[in-house]
Amino acid sequence: GATSASAQSDSPTAAPAPAASSAS
């Protein structure tokens, strides 16, 4: 029950992607 009480609660998100570089 604790894991599905609300659909809007996300799983732990990953860190934001790094800023754009010369290759990505």
mmCIF file of all heavy atoms, coordinates in Angstrom:
data_MODEL
# 
_entry.id   MODEL 
# 
loop_
_atom_site.group_PDB 
_atom_site.id 
_atom_site.type_symbol 
_atom_site.label_atom_id 
_atom_site.label_alt_id 
_atom_site.label_comp_id 
_atom_site.label_asym_id 
_atom_site.label_entity_id 
_atom_site.label_seq_id 
_atom_site.pdbx_PDB_ins_code 
_atom_site.Cartn_x 
_atom_site.Cartn_y 
_atom_site.Cartn_z 
_atom_site.occupancy 
_atom_site.B_iso_or_equiv 
_atom_site.pdbx_formal_charge 
_atom_site.auth_seq_id 
_atom_site.auth_comp_id 
_atom_site.auth_asym_id 
_atom_site.auth_atom_id 
_atom_site.pdbx_PDB_model_num 
ATOM 1   N N   . GLY A 1 1  ? 0.804  -1.218 0.000   1.00 0.00 ? 1  GLY A N   1 
ATOM 2   C CA  . GLY A 1 1  ? 0.000  0.000  0.000   1.00 0.00 ? 1  GLY A CA  1 
ATOM 3   C C   . GLY A 1 1  ? 0.826  1.252  0.000   1.00 0.00 ? 1  GLY A C   1 
ATOM 4   O O   . GLY A 1 1  ? 0.449  2.255  -0.586  1.00 0.00 ? 1  GLY A O   1 
ATOM 5   N N   . ALA A 1 2  ? 1.963  1.222  0.689   1.00 0.00 ? 2  ALA A N   1 
ATOM 6   C CA  . ALA A 1 2  ? 2.751  2.449  0.812   1.00 0.00 ? 2  ALA A CA  1 
ATOM 7   C C   . ALA A 1 2  ? 3.361  2.877  -0.503  1.00 0.00 ? 2  ALA A C   1 
ATOM 8   O O   . ALA A 1 2  ? 3.653  4.047  -0.695  1.00 0.00 ? 2  ALA A O   1 
ATOM 9   C CB  . ALA A 1 2  ? 3.860  2.245  1.859   1.00 0.00 ? 2  ALA A CB  1 
ATOM 10  N N   . THR A 1 3  ? 3.570  1.928  -1.430  1.00 0.00 ? 3  THR A N   1 
ATOM 11  C CA  . THR A 1 3  ? 4.274  2.262  -2.676  1.00 0.00 ? 3  THR A CA  1 
ATOM 12  C C   . THR A 1 3  ? 3.335  2.715  -3.771  1.00 0.00 ? 3  THR A C   1 
ATOM 13  O O   . THR A 1 3  ? 3.796  3.124  -4.821  1.00 0.00 ? 3  THR A O   1 
ATOM 14  C CB  . THR A 1 3  ? 5.054  1.039  -3.177  1.00 0.00 ? 3  THR A CB  1 
ATOM 15  O OG1 . THR A 1 3  ? 4.139  -0.010 -3.452  1.00 0.00 ? 3  THR A OG1 1 
ATOM 16  C CG2 . THR A 1 3  ? 6.083  0.631  -2.157  1.00 0.00 ? 3  THR A CG2 1 
ATOM 17  N N   . SER A 1 4  ? 2.002  2.582  -3.562  1.00 0.00 ? 4  SER A N   1 
ATOM 18  C CA  . SER A 1 4  ? 1.094  2.934  -4.658  1.00 0.00 ? 4  SER A CA  1 
ATOM 19  C C   . SER A 1 4  ? -0.053 3.811  -4.190  1.00 0.00 ? 4  SER A C   1 
ATOM 20  O O   . SER A 1 4  ? -1.134 3.749  -4.724  1.00 0.00 ? 4  SER A O   1 
ATOM 21  C CB  . SER A 1 4  ? 0.553  1.667  -5.313  1.00 0.00 ? 4  SER A CB  1 
ATOM 22  O OG  . SER A 1 4  ? -0.025 0.843  -4.337  1.00 0.00 ? 4  SER A OG  1 
ATOM 23  N N   . ALA A 1 5  ? 0.173  4.610  -3.171  1.00 0.00 ? 5  ALA A N   1 
ATOM 24  C CA  . ALA A 1 5  ? -0.894 5.462  -2.667  1.00 0.00 ? 5  ALA A CA  1 
ATOM 25  C C   . ALA A 1 5  ? -1.210 6.578  -3.652  1.00 0.00 ? 5  ALA A C   1 
ATOM 26  O O   . ALA A 1 5  ? -2.330 7.019  -3.769  1.00 0.00 ? 5  ALA A O   1 
ATOM 27  C CB  . ALA A 1 5  ? -0.521 6.054  -1.310  1.00 0.00 ? 5  ALA A CB  1 
ATOM 28  N N   . SER A 1 6  ? -0.240 7.028  -4.352  1.00 0.00 ? 6  SER A N   1 
ATOM 29  C CA  . SER A 1 6  ? -0.461 8.129  -5.307  1.00 0.00 ? 6  SER A CA  1 
ATOM 30  C C   . SER A 1 6  ? 0.383  7.895  -6.546  1.00 0.00 ? 6  SER A C   1 
ATOM 31  O O   . SER A 1 6  ? 1.540  7.538  -6.440  1.00 0.00 ? 6  SER A O   1 
ATOM 32  C CB  . SER A 1 6  ? -0.091 9.468  -4.680  1.00 0.00 ? 6  SER A CB  1 
ATOM 33  O OG  . SER A 1 6  ? -0.159 10.480 -5.644  1.00 0.00 ? 6  SER A OG  1 
ATOM 34  N N   . ALA A 1 7  ? -0.210 8.116  -7.703  1.00 0.00 ? 7  ALA A N   1 
ATOM 35  C CA  . ALA A 1 7  ? 0.529  7.882  -8.950  1.00 0.00 ? 7  ALA A CA  1 
ATOM 36  C C   . ALA A 1 7  ? 1.498  8.994  -9.256  1.00 0.00 ? 7  ALA A C   1 
ATOM 37  O O   . ALA A 1 7  ? 2.402  8.824  -10.046 1.00 0.00 ? 7  ALA A O   1 
ATOM 38  C CB  . ALA A 1 7  ? -0.459 7.758  -10.124 1.00 0.00 ? 7  ALA A CB  1 
ATOM 39  N N   . GLN A 1 8  ? 1.306  10.122 -8.629  1.00 0.00 ? 8  GLN A N   1 
ATOM 40  C CA  . GLN A 1 8  ? 2.173  11.235 -8.947  1.00 0.00 ? 8  GLN A CA  1 
ATOM 41  C C   . GLN A 1 8  ? 3.466  11.212 -8.181  1.00 0.00 ? 8  GLN A C   1 
ATOM 42  O O   . GLN A 1 8  ? 4.376  11.971 -8.490  1.00 0.00 ? 8  GLN A O   1 
ATOM 43  C CB  . GLN A 1 8  ? 1.433  12.563 -8.652  1.00 0.00 ? 8  GLN A CB  1 
ATOM 44  C CG  . GLN A 1 8  ? 0.105  12.692 -9.358  1.00 0.00 ? 8  GLN A CG  1 
ATOM 45  C CD  . GLN A 1 8  ? 0.267  12.564 -10.844 1.00 0.00 ? 8  GLN A CD  1 
ATOM 46  O OE1 . GLN A 1 8  ? 1.247  13.019 -11.388 1.00 0.00 ? 8  GLN A OE1 1 
ATOM 47  N NE2 . GLN A 1 8  ? -0.676 11.922 -11.487 1.00 0.00 ? 8  GLN A NE2 1 
ATOM 48  N N   . SER A 1 9  ? 3.596  10.409 -7.147  1.00 0.00 ? 9  SER A N   1 
ATOM 49  C CA  . SER A 1 9  ? 4.855  10.306 -6.403  1.00 0.00 ? 9  SER A CA  1 
ATOM 50  C C   . SER A 1 9  ? 5.821  9.480  -7.209  1.00 0.00 ? 9  SER A C   1 
ATOM 51  O O   . SER A 1 9  ? 5.526  8.360  -7.578  1.00 0.00 ? 9  SER A O   1 
ATOM 52  C CB  . SER A 1 9  ? 4.609  9.688  -5.031  1.00 0.00 ? 9  SER A CB  1 
ATOM 53  O OG  . SER A 1 9  ? 4.070  8.403  -5.159  1.00 0.00 ? 9  SER A OG  1 
ATOM 54  N N   . ASP A 1 10 ? 6.972  10.034 -7.517  1.00 0.00 ? 10 ASP A N   1 
ATOM 55  C CA  . ASP A 1 10 ? 7.929  9.381  -8.402  1.00 0.00 ? 10 ASP A CA  1 
ATOM 56  C C   . ASP A 1 10 ? 8.902  8.538  -7.606  1.00 0.00 ? 10 ASP A C   1 
ATOM 57  O O   . ASP A 1 10 ? 9.138  8.743  -6.427  1.00 0.00 ? 10 ASP A O   1 
ATOM 58  C CB  . ASP A 1 10 ? 8.720  10.423 -9.201  1.00 0.00 ? 10 ASP A CB  1 
ATOM 59  C CG  . ASP A 1 10 ? 7.799  11.281 -10.027 1.00 0.00 ? 10 ASP A CG  1 
ATOM 60  O OD1 . ASP A 1 10 ? 6.753  10.749 -10.442 1.00 0.00 ? 10 ASP A OD1 1 
ATOM 61  O OD2 . ASP A 1 10 ? 8.130  12.475 -10.228 1.00 0.00 ? 10 ASP A OD2 1 
ATOM 62  N N   . SER A 1 11 ? 9.508  7.619  -8.324  1.00 0.00 ? 11 SER A N   1 
ATOM 63  C CA  . SER A 1 11 ? 10.641 6.914  -7.754  1.00 0.00 ? 11 SER A CA  1 
ATOM 64  C C   . SER A 1 11 ? 11.804 7.875  -7.693  1.00 0.00 ? 11 SER A C   1 
ATOM 65  O O   . SER A 1 11 ? 11.824 8.888  -8.374  1.00 0.00 ? 11 SER A O   1 
ATOM 66  C CB  . SER A 1 11 ? 10.994 5.717  -8.637  1.00 0.00 ? 11 SER A CB  1 
ATOM 67  O OG  . SER A 1 11 ? 11.272 6.156  -9.930  1.00 0.00 ? 11 SER A OG  1 
ATOM 68  N N   . PRO A 1 12 ? 12.828 7.595  -6.872  1.00 0.00 ? 12 PRO A N   1 
ATOM 69  C CA  . PRO A 1 12 ? 13.954 8.526  -6.775  1.00 0.00 ? 12 PRO A CA  1 
ATOM 70  C C   . PRO A 1 12 ? 14.543 8.782  -8.150  1.00 0.00 ? 12 PRO A C   1 
ATOM 71  O O   . PRO A 1 12 ? 14.925 7.876  -8.868  1.00 0.00 ? 12 PRO A O   1 
ATOM 72  C CB  . PRO A 1 12 ? 14.943 7.779  -5.864  1.00 0.00 ? 12 PRO A CB  1 
ATOM 73  C CG  . PRO A 1 12 ? 14.087 6.879  -5.055  1.00 0.00 ? 12 PRO A CG  1 
ATOM 74  C CD  . PRO A 1 12 ? 12.973 6.462  -5.942  1.00 0.00 ? 12 PRO A CD  1 
ATOM 75  N N   . THR A 1 13 ? 14.569 10.037 -8.513  1.00 0.00 ? 13 THR A N   1 
ATOM 76  C CA  . THR A 1 13 ? 15.040 10.383 -9.855  1.00 0.00 ? 13 THR A CA  1 
ATOM 77  C C   . THR A 1 13 ? 16.539 10.516 -9.874  1.00 0.00 ? 13 THR A C   1 
ATOM 78  O O   . THR A 1 13 ? 17.172 10.844 -8.882  1.00 0.00 ? 13 THR A O   1 
ATOM 79  C CB  . THR A 1 13 ? 14.398 11.712 -10.303 1.00 0.00 ? 13 THR A CB  1 
ATOM 80  O OG1 . THR A 1 13 ? 14.734 12.712 -9.347  1.00 0.00 ? 13 THR A OG1 1 
ATOM 81  C CG2 . THR A 1 13 ? 12.880 11.581 -10.388 1.00 0.00 ? 13 THR A CG2 1 
ATOM 82  N N   . ALA A 1 14 ? 17.065 10.296 -11.053 1.00 0.00 ? 14 ALA A N   1 
ATOM 83  C CA  . ALA A 1 14 ? 18.508 10.422 -11.218 1.00 0.00 ? 14 ALA A CA  1 
ATOM 84  C C   . ALA A 1 14 ? 18.889 11.886 -11.244 1.00 0.00 ? 14 ALA A C   1 
ATOM 85  O O   . ALA A 1 14 ? 18.056 12.768 -11.425 1.00 0.00 ? 14 ALA A O   1 
ATOM 86  C CB  . ALA A 1 14 ? 18.951 9.744  -12.521 1.00 0.00 ? 14 ALA A CB  1 
ATOM 87  N N   . ALA A 1 15 ? 20.149 12.141 -11.081 1.00 0.00 ? 15 ALA A N   1 
ATOM 88  C CA  . ALA A 1 15 ? 20.629 13.511 -11.111 1.00 0.00 ? 15 ALA A CA  1 
ATOM 89  C C   . ALA A 1 15 ? 20.454 14.077 -12.506 1.00 0.00 ? 15 ALA A C   1 
ATOM 90  O O   . ALA A 1 15 ? 20.477 13.357 -13.495 1.00 0.00 ? 15 ALA A O   1 
ATOM 91  C CB  . ALA A 1 15 ? 22.096 13.557 -10.702 1.00 0.00 ? 15 ALA A CB  1 
ATOM 92  N N   . PRO A 1 16 ? 20.214 15.392 -12.630 1.00 0.00 ? 16 PRO A N   1 
ATOM 93  C CA  . PRO A 1 16 ? 20.040 15.986 -13.954 1.00 0.00 ? 16 PRO A CA  1 
ATOM 94  C C   . PRO A 1 16 ? 21.255 15.738 -14.831 1.00 0.00 ? 16 PRO A C   1 
ATOM 95  O O   . PRO A 1 16 ? 22.377 15.623 -14.361 1.00 0.00 ? 16 PRO A O   1 
ATOM 96  C CB  . PRO A 1 16 ? 19.860 17.488 -13.648 1.00 0.00 ? 16 PRO A CB  1 
ATOM 97  C CG  . PRO A 1 16 ? 19.414 17.535 -12.216 1.00 0.00 ? 16 PRO A CG  1 
ATOM 98  C CD  . PRO A 1 16 ? 20.059 16.361 -11.557 1.00 0.00 ? 16 PRO A CD  1 
ATOM 99  N N   . ALA A 1 17 ? 20.968 15.668 -16.110 1.00 0.00 ? 17 ALA A N   1 
ATOM 100 C CA  . ALA A 1 17 ? 22.049 15.419 -17.063 1.00 0.00 ? 17 ALA A CA  1 
ATOM 101 C C   . ALA A 1 17 ? 23.019 16.582 -17.058 1.00 0.00 ? 17 ALA A C   1 
ATOM 102 O O   . ALA A 1 17 ? 22.650 17.725 -16.816 1.00 0.00 ? 17 ALA A O   1 
ATOM 103 C CB  . ALA A 1 17 ? 21.476 15.223 -18.474 1.00 0.00 ? 17 ALA A CB  1 
ATOM 104 N N   . PRO A 1 18 ? 24.269 16.318 -17.312 1.00 0.00 ? 18 PRO A N   1 
ATOM 105 C CA  . PRO A 1 18 ? 25.233 17.405 -17.337 1.00 0.00 ? 18 PRO A CA  1 
ATOM 106 C C   . PRO A 1 18 ? 24.973 18.348 -18.480 1.00 0.00 ? 18 PRO A C   1 
ATOM 107 O O   . PRO A 1 18 ? 24.277 18.051 -19.426 1.00 0.00 ? 18 PRO A O   1 
ATOM 108 C CB  . PRO A 1 18 ? 26.576 16.669 -17.509 1.00 0.00 ? 18 PRO A CB  1 
ATOM 109 C CG  . PRO A 1 18 ? 26.211 15.365 -18.138 1.00 0.00 ? 18 PRO A CG  1 
ATOM 110 C CD  . PRO A 1 18 ? 24.871 15.012 -17.596 1.00 0.00 ? 18 PRO A CD  1 
ATOM 111 N N   . ALA A 1 19 ? 25.546 19.524 -18.374 1.00 0.00 ? 19 ALA A N   1 
ATOM 112 C CA  . ALA A 1 19 ? 25.361 20.531 -19.418 1.00 0.00 ? 19 ALA A CA  1 
ATOM 113 C C   . ALA A 1 19 ? 25.970 20.049 -20.725 1.00 0.00 ? 19 ALA A C   1 
ATOM 114 O O   . ALA A 1 19 ? 26.821 19.174 -20.767 1.00 0.00 ? 19 ALA A O   1 
ATOM 115 C CB  . ALA A 1 19 ? 26.001 21.854 -18.992 1.00 0.00 ? 19 ALA A CB  1 
ATOM 116 N N   . ALA A 1 20 ? 25.502 20.674 -21.824 1.00 0.00 ? 20 ALA A N   1 
ATOM 117 C CA  . ALA A 1 20 ? 25.972 20.271 -23.146 1.00 0.00 ? 20 ALA A CA  1 
ATOM 118 C C   . ALA A 1 20 ? 27.459 20.568 -23.289 1.00 0.00 ? 20 ALA A C   1 
ATOM 119 O O   . ALA A 1 20 ? 27.950 21.607 -22.917 1.00 0.00 ? 20 ALA A O   1 
ATOM 120 C CB  . ALA A 1 20 ? 25.180 21.014 -24.223 1.00 0.00 ? 20 ALA A CB  1 
ATOM 121 N N   . SER A 1 21 ? 28.174 19.618 -23.813 1.00 0.00 ? 21 SER A N   1 
ATOM 122 C CA  . SER A 1 21 ? 29.597 19.789 -24.078 1.00 0.00 ? 21 SER A CA  1 
ATOM 123 C C   . SER A 1 21 ? 29.807 19.788 -25.572 1.00 0.00 ? 21 SER A C   1 
ATOM 124 O O   . SER A 1 21 ? 28.872 19.806 -26.356 1.00 0.00 ? 21 SER A O   1 
ATOM 125 C CB  . SER A 1 21 ? 30.395 18.657 -23.411 1.00 0.00 ? 21 SER A CB  1 
ATOM 126 O OG  . SER A 1 21 ? 30.075 17.421 -24.010 1.00 0.00 ? 21 SER A OG  1 
ATOM 127 N N   . SER A 1 22 ? 31.067 19.767 -25.953 1.00 0.00 ? 22 SER A N   1 
ATOM 128 C CA  . SER A 1 22 ? 31.378 19.800 -27.379 1.00 0.00 ? 22 SER A CA  1 
ATOM 129 C C   . SER A 1 22 ? 31.004 18.508 -28.078 1.00 0.00 ? 22 SER A C   1 
ATOM 130 O O   . SER A 1 22 ? 30.953 18.470 -29.295 1.00 0.00 ? 22 SER A O   1 
ATOM 131 C CB  . SER A 1 22 ? 32.874 20.079 -27.565 1.00 0.00 ? 22 SER A CB  1 
ATOM 132 O OG  . SER A 1 22 ? 33.639 19.060 -26.922 1.00 0.00 ? 22 SER A OG  1 
ATOM 133 N N   . ALA A 1 23 ? 30.763 17.447 -27.323 1.00 0.00 ? 23 ALA A N   1 
ATOM 134 C CA  . ALA A 1 23 ? 30.478 16.158 -27.951 1.00 0.00 ? 23 ALA A CA  1 
ATOM 135 C C   . ALA A 1 23 ? 29.084 15.636 -27.635 1.00 0.00 ? 23 ALA A C   1 
ATOM 136 O O   . ALA A 1 23 ? 28.708 14.600 -28.147 1.00 0.00 ? 23 ALA A O   1 
ATOM 137 C CB  . ALA A 1 23 ? 31.520 15.120 -27.514 1.00 0.00 ? 23 ALA A CB  1 
ATOM 138 N N   . SER A 1 24 ? 28.309 16.310 -26.779 1.00 0.00 ? 24 SER A N   1 
ATOM 139 C CA  . SER A 1 24 ? 26.990 15.811 -26.411 1.00 0.00 ? 24 SER A CA  1 
ATOM 140 C C   . SER A 1 24 ? 26.058 16.979 -26.147 1.00 0.00 ? 24 SER A C   1 
ATOM 141 O O   . SER A 1 24 ? 26.488 18.106 -25.887 1.00 0.00 ? 24 SER A O   1 
ATOM 142 C CB  . SER A 1 24 ? 27.083 14.914 -25.178 1.00 0.00 ? 24 SER A CB  1 
ATOM 143 O OG  . SER A 1 24 ? 27.515 15.662 -24.050 1.00 0.00 ? 24 SER A OG  1 
# 
